[in-house]
Amino acid sequence: MPRNQRLALLALAAVVAIVAAVLLRPGGGGKQSPTQRSQGKQTGSSARPTPRAPGESEPRPAPGGPRATTIRVRDGRPVGGAGEITVKSGDTVRLAFESNSSDRLHIHGYDRYVQLQPGRTVRVSFPAKLEGVFDIESHSTEAKIASLTIEP
């Protein structure tokens, strides 16, 4: 085998080994920006609820399960400021979004998208497998809607 082919195969093997090491590390190789990495641990309740407008009702919990944290979005921005949600690793993240306009939210780190519809409650739940701090952002306004912290 010519020398150039051997060098090319060696380089390819090194790339494959690096990619495998990244994918097999704890956290599954998900990309996190510095703001998404764990920035100190919060303790206490699992979520800070978003303030309600007068006349708004408490969301109903899912039958047989814990209540979802409700986040209200008005004109692409969170009502009362960006919420802070804290969940223990291994538990289930349960979110409910209410909006007055169509929007698409992105839950960073988990690469989940939530399509908001005006006047409707959209619920999403998923296992908290990745630890750290992850932003939930509006794609229409690029506003930070909430911060999701997954603790050990």
N, C-alpha and C. Protein backbone atom coordinates (compact mmCIF):
# COMPACT_ATOMS: atom_id res chain seq x y z
N MET A 1 0.85 -1.17 0.00
CA MET A 1 0.00 0.00 0.00
C MET A 1 0.90 1.23 0.00
N PRO A 2 0.64 2.19 -0.87
CA PRO A 2 1.47 3.41 -0.93
C PRO A 2 1.41 4.19 0.38
N ARG A 3 2.46 4.95 0.61
CA ARG A 3 2.60 5.71 1.86
C ARG A 3 1.45 6.69 2.05
N ASN A 4 1.00 7.37 1.01
CA ASN A 4 -0.08 8.36 1.12
C ASN A 4 -1.39 7.70 1.56
N GLN A 5 -1.65 6.49 1.05
CA GLN A 5 -2.87 5.78 1.44
C GLN A 5 -2.81 5.39 2.92
N ARG A 6 -1.65 4.95 3.37
CA ARG A 6 -1.50 4.58 4.77
C ARG A 6 -1.73 5.80 5.67
N LEU A 7 -1.17 6.94 5.30
CA LEU A 7 -1.36 8.16 6.09
C LEU A 7 -2.83 8.59 6.10
N ALA A 8 -3.49 8.46 4.96
CA ALA A 8 -4.90 8.83 4.88
C ALA A 8 -5.75 7.92 5.77
N LEU A 9 -5.47 6.62 5.76
CA LEU A 9 -6.21 5.69 6.61
C LEU A 9 -5.94 5.95 8.09
N LEU A 10 -4.70 6.28 8.42
CA LEU A 10 -4.35 6.59 9.80
C LEU A 10 -5.09 7.85 10.26
N ALA A 11 -5.15 8.86 9.42
CA ALA A 11 -5.87 10.10 9.75
C ALA A 11 -7.37 9.82 9.92
N LEU A 12 -7.94 9.01 9.05
CA LEU A 12 -9.35 8.65 9.14
C LEU A 12 -9.64 7.90 10.44
N ALA A 13 -8.76 6.97 10.80
CA ALA A 13 -8.93 6.22 12.05
C ALA A 13 -8.88 7.16 13.25
N ALA A 14 -8.01 8.16 13.24
CA ALA A 14 -7.91 9.13 14.33
C ALA A 14 -9.19 9.94 14.44
N VAL A 15 -9.75 10.36 13.32
CA VAL A 15 -11.00 11.13 13.32
C VAL A 15 -12.13 10.28 13.88
N VAL A 16 -12.23 9.04 13.46
CA VAL A 16 -13.28 8.14 13.96
C VAL A 16 -13.13 7.95 15.47
N ALA A 17 -11.92 7.79 15.96
CA ALA A 17 -11.70 7.60 17.39
C ALA A 17 -12.11 8.85 18.17
N ILE A 18 -11.81 10.03 17.66
CA ILE A 18 -12.18 11.27 18.34
C ILE A 18 -13.70 11.43 18.38
N VAL A 19 -14.37 11.19 17.26
CA VAL A 19 -15.83 11.30 17.20
C VAL A 19 -16.47 10.30 18.16
N ALA A 20 -15.97 9.09 18.21
CA ALA A 20 -16.51 8.08 19.12
C ALA A 20 -16.33 8.51 20.57
N ALA A 21 -15.18 9.07 20.91
CA ALA A 21 -14.93 9.51 22.27
C ALA A 21 -15.89 10.63 22.67
N VAL A 22 -16.16 11.55 21.76
CA VAL A 22 -17.09 12.65 22.05
C VAL A 22 -18.51 12.13 22.23
N LEU A 23 -18.93 11.23 21.39
CA LEU A 23 -20.29 10.71 21.46
C LEU A 23 -20.52 9.80 22.66
N LEU A 24 -19.49 9.12 23.12
CA LEU A 24 -19.64 8.19 24.22
C LEU A 24 -19.41 8.81 25.59
N ARG A 25 -19.01 10.06 25.64
CA ARG A 25 -18.78 10.70 26.94
C ARG A 25 -20.12 10.95 27.63
N PRO A 26 -20.11 11.14 28.96
CA PRO A 26 -21.36 11.44 29.67
C PRO A 26 -22.02 12.67 29.08
N GLY A 27 -23.33 12.64 28.91
CA GLY A 27 -24.06 13.74 28.30
C GLY A 27 -24.33 13.49 26.84
N GLY A 28 -23.82 12.42 26.28
CA GLY A 28 -24.16 12.02 24.92
C GLY A 28 -23.58 12.89 23.84
N GLY A 29 -22.65 13.79 24.15
CA GLY A 29 -22.05 14.61 23.11
C GLY A 29 -22.92 15.77 22.70
N GLY A 30 -24.00 16.07 23.46
CA GLY A 30 -24.84 17.21 23.13
C GLY A 30 -24.04 18.49 23.30
N LYS A 31 -24.20 19.42 22.39
CA LYS A 31 -23.46 20.66 22.46
C LYS A 31 -24.12 21.58 23.46
N GLN A 32 -23.30 22.24 24.28
CA GLN A 32 -23.79 23.21 25.23
C GLN A 32 -22.94 24.45 25.12
N SER A 33 -23.59 25.61 25.06
CA SER A 33 -22.85 26.85 25.09
C SER A 33 -22.45 27.11 26.53
N PRO A 34 -21.55 28.07 26.77
CA PRO A 34 -21.16 28.35 28.15
C PRO A 34 -22.34 28.72 29.03
N THR A 35 -23.37 29.35 28.48
CA THR A 35 -24.53 29.70 29.30
C THR A 35 -25.39 28.50 29.60
N GLN A 36 -25.21 27.41 28.86
CA GLN A 36 -26.02 26.23 29.09
C GLN A 36 -25.37 25.28 30.09
N ARG A 37 -24.06 25.44 30.32
CA ARG A 37 -23.40 24.57 31.28
C ARG A 37 -23.85 24.92 32.67
N SER A 38 -23.72 24.00 33.56
CA SER A 38 -24.16 24.21 34.93
C SER A 38 -23.50 25.44 35.51
N GLN A 39 -24.31 26.35 36.05
CA GLN A 39 -23.79 27.61 36.59
C GLN A 39 -24.14 27.73 38.05
N GLY A 40 -23.87 26.71 38.83
CA GLY A 40 -24.24 26.74 40.24
C GLY A 40 -25.59 26.07 40.41
N LYS A 41 -25.76 25.46 41.53
CA LYS A 41 -26.97 24.67 41.76
C LYS A 41 -27.99 25.48 42.52
N GLN A 42 -29.25 25.31 42.13
CA GLN A 42 -30.34 25.94 42.84
C GLN A 42 -30.99 24.88 43.71
N THR A 43 -31.50 25.30 44.84
CA THR A 43 -32.20 24.37 45.70
C THR A 43 -33.59 24.91 45.96
N GLY A 44 -34.40 24.10 46.56
CA GLY A 44 -35.75 24.54 46.89
C GLY A 44 -36.76 23.92 45.95
N SER A 45 -37.81 24.68 45.65
CA SER A 45 -38.89 24.14 44.83
C SER A 45 -38.41 23.85 43.43
N SER A 46 -39.19 23.05 42.73
CA SER A 46 -38.77 22.62 41.41
C SER A 46 -38.98 23.68 40.35
N ALA A 47 -39.73 24.74 40.63
CA ALA A 47 -39.95 25.77 39.63
C ALA A 47 -40.45 27.04 40.27
N ARG A 48 -40.13 28.16 39.64
CA ARG A 48 -40.70 29.44 40.03
C ARG A 48 -41.83 29.72 39.07
N PRO A 49 -43.08 29.71 39.54
CA PRO A 49 -44.19 29.88 38.61
C PRO A 49 -44.22 31.28 38.02
N THR A 50 -44.72 31.37 36.81
CA THR A 50 -44.89 32.65 36.15
C THR A 50 -46.14 33.31 36.73
N PRO A 51 -46.09 34.61 37.05
CA PRO A 51 -47.26 35.27 37.61
C PRO A 51 -48.45 35.19 36.66
N ARG A 52 -49.64 35.12 37.24
CA ARG A 52 -50.87 35.03 36.46
C ARG A 52 -51.52 36.40 36.36
N ALA A 53 -52.16 36.64 35.23
CA ALA A 53 -52.97 37.84 35.09
C ALA A 53 -54.27 37.62 35.84
N PRO A 54 -54.92 38.68 36.30
CA PRO A 54 -56.20 38.51 36.99
C PRO A 54 -57.18 37.72 36.12
N GLY A 55 -57.85 36.76 36.75
CA GLY A 55 -58.85 35.97 36.04
C GLY A 55 -58.30 34.71 35.39
N GLU A 56 -56.98 34.55 35.33
CA GLU A 56 -56.42 33.34 34.73
C GLU A 56 -56.51 32.20 35.74
N SER A 57 -56.86 31.02 35.26
CA SER A 57 -57.03 29.88 36.15
C SER A 57 -55.76 29.07 36.24
N GLU A 58 -55.67 28.31 37.32
CA GLU A 58 -54.54 27.39 37.53
C GLU A 58 -54.66 26.24 36.53
N PRO A 59 -53.57 25.84 35.86
CA PRO A 59 -53.67 24.72 34.92
C PRO A 59 -53.97 23.42 35.66
N ARG A 60 -54.69 22.55 35.00
CA ARG A 60 -55.01 21.26 35.58
C ARG A 60 -53.83 20.32 35.47
N PRO A 61 -53.54 19.56 36.54
CA PRO A 61 -52.45 18.59 36.45
C PRO A 61 -52.87 17.42 35.56
N ALA A 62 -51.88 16.78 34.99
CA ALA A 62 -52.17 15.58 34.19
C ALA A 62 -52.69 14.51 35.13
N PRO A 63 -53.66 13.71 34.68
CA PRO A 63 -54.21 12.68 35.54
C PRO A 63 -53.10 11.75 36.05
N GLY A 64 -53.03 11.60 37.36
CA GLY A 64 -52.08 10.67 37.95
C GLY A 64 -50.64 11.13 37.92
N GLY A 65 -50.38 12.39 37.58
CA GLY A 65 -49.00 12.83 37.51
C GLY A 65 -48.83 14.22 38.09
N PRO A 66 -47.59 14.63 38.29
CA PRO A 66 -47.31 15.96 38.82
C PRO A 66 -47.77 17.05 37.84
N ARG A 67 -47.97 18.21 38.38
CA ARG A 67 -48.41 19.36 37.60
C ARG A 67 -47.28 19.88 36.71
N ALA A 68 -47.63 20.35 35.54
CA ALA A 68 -46.66 20.96 34.64
C ALA A 68 -46.42 22.41 35.06
N THR A 69 -45.21 22.90 34.85
CA THR A 69 -44.91 24.30 35.08
C THR A 69 -45.46 25.08 33.89
N THR A 70 -46.31 26.06 34.15
CA THR A 70 -46.92 26.84 33.08
C THR A 70 -46.11 28.10 32.82
N ILE A 71 -45.82 28.33 31.56
CA ILE A 71 -45.09 29.51 31.13
C ILE A 71 -45.99 30.27 30.15
N ARG A 72 -46.24 31.53 30.47
CA ARG A 72 -47.09 32.36 29.62
C ARG A 72 -46.24 33.26 28.75
N VAL A 73 -46.58 33.28 27.46
CA VAL A 73 -45.83 34.07 26.49
C VAL A 73 -46.80 35.06 25.86
N ARG A 74 -46.42 36.34 25.85
CA ARG A 74 -47.23 37.38 25.23
C ARG A 74 -46.36 38.12 24.23
N ASP A 75 -46.80 38.10 22.99
CA ASP A 75 -46.07 38.78 21.90
C ASP A 75 -44.61 38.34 21.85
N GLY A 76 -44.37 37.04 22.05
CA GLY A 76 -43.03 36.47 21.93
C GLY A 76 -42.12 36.70 23.11
N ARG A 77 -42.68 37.19 24.23
CA ARG A 77 -41.88 37.45 25.43
C ARG A 77 -42.57 36.82 26.64
N PRO A 78 -41.78 36.38 27.64
CA PRO A 78 -42.39 35.74 28.81
C PRO A 78 -43.09 36.76 29.71
N VAL A 79 -44.28 36.42 30.17
CA VAL A 79 -45.01 37.28 31.09
C VAL A 79 -44.29 37.23 32.44
N GLY A 80 -43.93 38.39 32.99
CA GLY A 80 -43.25 38.44 34.28
C GLY A 80 -41.77 38.15 34.21
N GLY A 81 -41.19 38.10 33.02
CA GLY A 81 -39.77 37.82 32.87
C GLY A 81 -39.50 36.34 32.65
N ALA A 82 -38.27 36.03 32.31
CA ALA A 82 -37.89 34.64 32.03
C ALA A 82 -38.05 33.79 33.28
N GLY A 83 -38.74 32.66 33.13
CA GLY A 83 -38.95 31.75 34.26
C GLY A 83 -37.71 30.94 34.55
N GLU A 84 -37.65 30.39 35.76
CA GLU A 84 -36.56 29.51 36.16
C GLU A 84 -37.18 28.19 36.59
N ILE A 85 -36.81 27.13 35.90
CA ILE A 85 -37.37 25.80 36.15
C ILE A 85 -36.22 24.89 36.57
N THR A 86 -36.39 24.18 37.68
CA THR A 86 -35.35 23.27 38.16
C THR A 86 -35.96 21.88 38.31
N VAL A 87 -35.29 20.89 37.73
CA VAL A 87 -35.75 19.51 37.77
C VAL A 87 -34.55 18.64 38.12
N LYS A 88 -34.79 17.58 38.88
CA LYS A 88 -33.73 16.63 39.22
C LYS A 88 -33.47 15.71 38.03
N SER A 89 -32.22 15.38 37.81
CA SER A 89 -31.84 14.45 36.75
C SER A 89 -32.56 13.12 36.96
N GLY A 90 -33.13 12.58 35.90
CA GLY A 90 -33.87 11.34 35.97
C GLY A 90 -35.36 11.53 36.13
N ASP A 91 -35.79 12.72 36.60
CA ASP A 91 -37.22 13.02 36.69
C ASP A 91 -37.74 13.40 35.30
N THR A 92 -39.00 13.75 35.24
CA THR A 92 -39.61 14.16 33.97
C THR A 92 -39.82 15.66 33.97
N VAL A 93 -39.37 16.32 32.92
CA VAL A 93 -39.63 17.74 32.72
C VAL A 93 -41.04 17.85 32.17
N ARG A 94 -41.89 18.65 32.84
CA ARG A 94 -43.27 18.84 32.40
C ARG A 94 -43.52 20.34 32.27
N LEU A 95 -43.78 20.77 31.04
CA LEU A 95 -43.99 22.19 30.77
C LEU A 95 -45.31 22.39 30.05
N ALA A 96 -45.96 23.51 30.34
CA ALA A 96 -47.17 23.92 29.62
C ALA A 96 -46.95 25.36 29.19
N PHE A 97 -47.20 25.64 27.92
CA PHE A 97 -47.01 26.98 27.38
C PHE A 97 -48.35 27.54 26.93
N GLU A 98 -48.58 28.81 27.27
CA GLU A 98 -49.76 29.53 26.81
C GLU A 98 -49.26 30.78 26.10
N SER A 99 -49.86 31.10 24.96
CA SER A 99 -49.40 32.25 24.18
C SER A 99 -50.58 32.95 23.52
N ASN A 100 -50.41 34.24 23.24
CA ASN A 100 -51.43 34.99 22.52
C ASN A 100 -51.12 35.06 21.03
N SER A 101 -50.01 34.44 20.62
CA SER A 101 -49.65 34.46 19.19
C SER A 101 -48.90 33.18 18.83
N SER A 102 -48.85 32.91 17.55
CA SER A 102 -48.10 31.75 17.07
C SER A 102 -46.61 32.01 17.26
N ASP A 103 -45.91 30.99 17.66
CA ASP A 103 -44.47 31.12 17.88
C ASP A 103 -43.89 29.72 17.91
N ARG A 104 -42.59 29.63 17.79
CA ARG A 104 -41.89 28.36 17.91
C ARG A 104 -40.80 28.56 18.95
N LEU A 105 -40.84 27.71 19.99
CA LEU A 105 -39.84 27.78 21.04
C LEU A 105 -38.83 26.67 20.86
N HIS A 106 -37.60 26.94 21.28
CA HIS A 106 -36.53 25.95 21.19
C HIS A 106 -36.01 25.69 22.60
N ILE A 107 -36.01 24.43 23.02
CA ILE A 107 -35.43 24.02 24.29
C ILE A 107 -34.02 23.54 23.98
N HIS A 108 -33.04 24.40 24.26
CA HIS A 108 -31.65 24.11 23.92
C HIS A 108 -31.15 22.90 24.71
N GLY A 109 -30.15 22.24 24.19
CA GLY A 109 -29.57 21.07 24.84
C GLY A 109 -30.37 19.81 24.55
N TYR A 110 -31.67 19.91 24.61
CA TYR A 110 -32.54 18.77 24.32
C TYR A 110 -33.03 18.82 22.87
N ASP A 111 -32.73 19.90 22.18
CA ASP A 111 -33.14 20.10 20.78
C ASP A 111 -34.60 19.76 20.57
N ARG A 112 -35.43 20.26 21.44
CA ARG A 112 -36.88 20.10 21.31
C ARG A 112 -37.47 21.42 20.88
N TYR A 113 -38.49 21.34 20.04
CA TYR A 113 -39.18 22.52 19.55
C TYR A 113 -40.65 22.42 19.95
N VAL A 114 -41.21 23.56 20.34
CA VAL A 114 -42.60 23.62 20.76
C VAL A 114 -43.30 24.65 19.89
N GLN A 115 -44.33 24.23 19.18
CA GLN A 115 -45.09 25.13 18.32
C GLN A 115 -46.25 25.71 19.13
N LEU A 116 -46.20 27.02 19.41
CA LEU A 116 -47.25 27.67 20.18
C LEU A 116 -48.38 28.11 19.25
N GLN A 117 -49.59 28.02 19.77
CA GLN A 117 -50.78 28.45 19.03
C GLN A 117 -51.55 29.42 19.91
N PRO A 118 -52.05 30.51 19.34
CA PRO A 118 -52.74 31.50 20.17
C PRO A 118 -53.97 30.91 20.87
N GLY A 119 -54.09 31.23 22.16
CA GLY A 119 -55.25 30.80 22.93
C GLY A 119 -55.26 29.33 23.32
N ARG A 120 -54.21 28.59 23.05
CA ARG A 120 -54.17 27.15 23.36
C ARG A 120 -53.01 26.86 24.31
N THR A 121 -53.22 25.87 25.17
CA THR A 121 -52.14 25.41 26.04
C THR A 121 -51.44 24.25 25.35
N VAL A 122 -50.14 24.39 25.17
CA VAL A 122 -49.34 23.35 24.53
C VAL A 122 -48.47 22.73 25.62
N ARG A 123 -48.58 21.42 25.79
CA ARG A 123 -47.83 20.71 26.83
C ARG A 123 -46.71 19.88 26.20
N VAL A 124 -45.61 19.81 26.93
CA VAL A 124 -44.49 18.99 26.50
C VAL A 124 -43.88 18.35 27.74
N SER A 125 -43.46 17.10 27.61
CA SER A 125 -42.75 16.44 28.70
C SER A 125 -41.69 15.53 28.11
N PHE A 126 -40.60 15.39 28.86
CA PHE A 126 -39.49 14.54 28.41
C PHE A 126 -38.63 14.22 29.62
N PRO A 127 -37.87 13.12 29.55
CA PRO A 127 -37.01 12.75 30.68
C PRO A 127 -35.82 13.71 30.80
N ALA A 128 -35.50 14.09 32.03
CA ALA A 128 -34.37 14.98 32.30
C ALA A 128 -33.10 14.15 32.33
N LYS A 129 -32.47 13.97 31.18
CA LYS A 129 -31.28 13.12 31.09
C LYS A 129 -29.98 13.91 31.06
N LEU A 130 -30.01 15.12 30.51
CA LEU A 130 -28.80 15.94 30.42
C LEU A 130 -28.78 16.93 31.57
N GLU A 131 -27.68 16.98 32.32
CA GLU A 131 -27.57 17.92 33.43
C GLU A 131 -26.94 19.22 32.95
N GLY A 132 -27.37 20.32 33.54
CA GLY A 132 -26.84 21.63 33.19
C GLY A 132 -27.96 22.65 33.15
N VAL A 133 -27.64 23.80 32.56
CA VAL A 133 -28.60 24.89 32.44
C VAL A 133 -28.86 25.11 30.96
N PHE A 134 -30.13 25.08 30.56
CA PHE A 134 -30.52 25.17 29.16
C PHE A 134 -31.55 26.27 28.96
N ASP A 135 -31.34 27.11 27.97
CA ASP A 135 -32.28 28.18 27.68
C ASP A 135 -33.44 27.67 26.85
N ILE A 136 -34.60 28.26 27.08
CA ILE A 136 -35.77 28.07 26.23
C ILE A 136 -36.00 29.41 25.57
N GLU A 137 -35.91 29.46 24.23
CA GLU A 137 -35.97 30.72 23.51
C GLU A 137 -37.05 30.73 22.45
N SER A 138 -37.55 31.94 22.19
CA SER A 138 -38.51 32.16 21.12
C SER A 138 -37.76 32.30 19.81
N HIS A 139 -38.23 31.63 18.77
CA HIS A 139 -37.59 31.79 17.48
C HIS A 139 -38.03 33.07 16.79
N SER A 140 -39.22 33.58 17.11
CA SER A 140 -39.68 34.79 16.44
C SER A 140 -39.01 36.04 16.99
N THR A 141 -38.82 36.12 18.31
CA THR A 141 -38.22 37.31 18.92
C THR A 141 -36.81 37.09 19.45
N GLU A 142 -36.38 35.83 19.49
CA GLU A 142 -35.09 35.43 20.07
C GLU A 142 -34.99 35.77 21.55
N ALA A 143 -36.15 36.01 22.19
CA ALA A 143 -36.18 36.31 23.63
C ALA A 143 -36.01 35.03 24.43
N LYS A 144 -35.32 35.16 25.55
CA LYS A 144 -35.20 34.04 26.49
C LYS A 144 -36.54 33.93 27.22
N ILE A 145 -37.18 32.77 27.09
CA ILE A 145 -38.49 32.53 27.71
C ILE A 145 -38.31 31.97 29.11
N ALA A 146 -37.36 31.07 29.27
CA ALA A 146 -37.11 30.45 30.57
C ALA A 146 -35.73 29.83 30.58
N SER A 147 -35.29 29.48 31.78
CA SER A 147 -34.04 28.77 31.99
C SER A 147 -34.38 27.44 32.65
N LEU A 148 -33.97 26.35 32.03
CA LEU A 148 -34.23 25.02 32.54
C LEU A 148 -32.95 24.45 33.14
N THR A 149 -32.97 24.20 34.46
CA THR A 149 -31.81 23.64 35.16
C THR A 149 -32.10 22.19 35.52
N ILE A 150 -31.22 21.29 35.09
CA ILE A 150 -31.32 19.88 35.46
C ILE A 150 -30.19 19.61 36.44
N GLU A 151 -30.56 19.28 37.69
CA GLU A 151 -29.58 19.05 38.75
C GLU A 151 -29.34 17.55 38.95
N PRO A 152 -28.14 17.22 39.45
CA PRO A 152 -27.87 15.81 39.78
C PRO A 152 -28.76 15.32 40.90
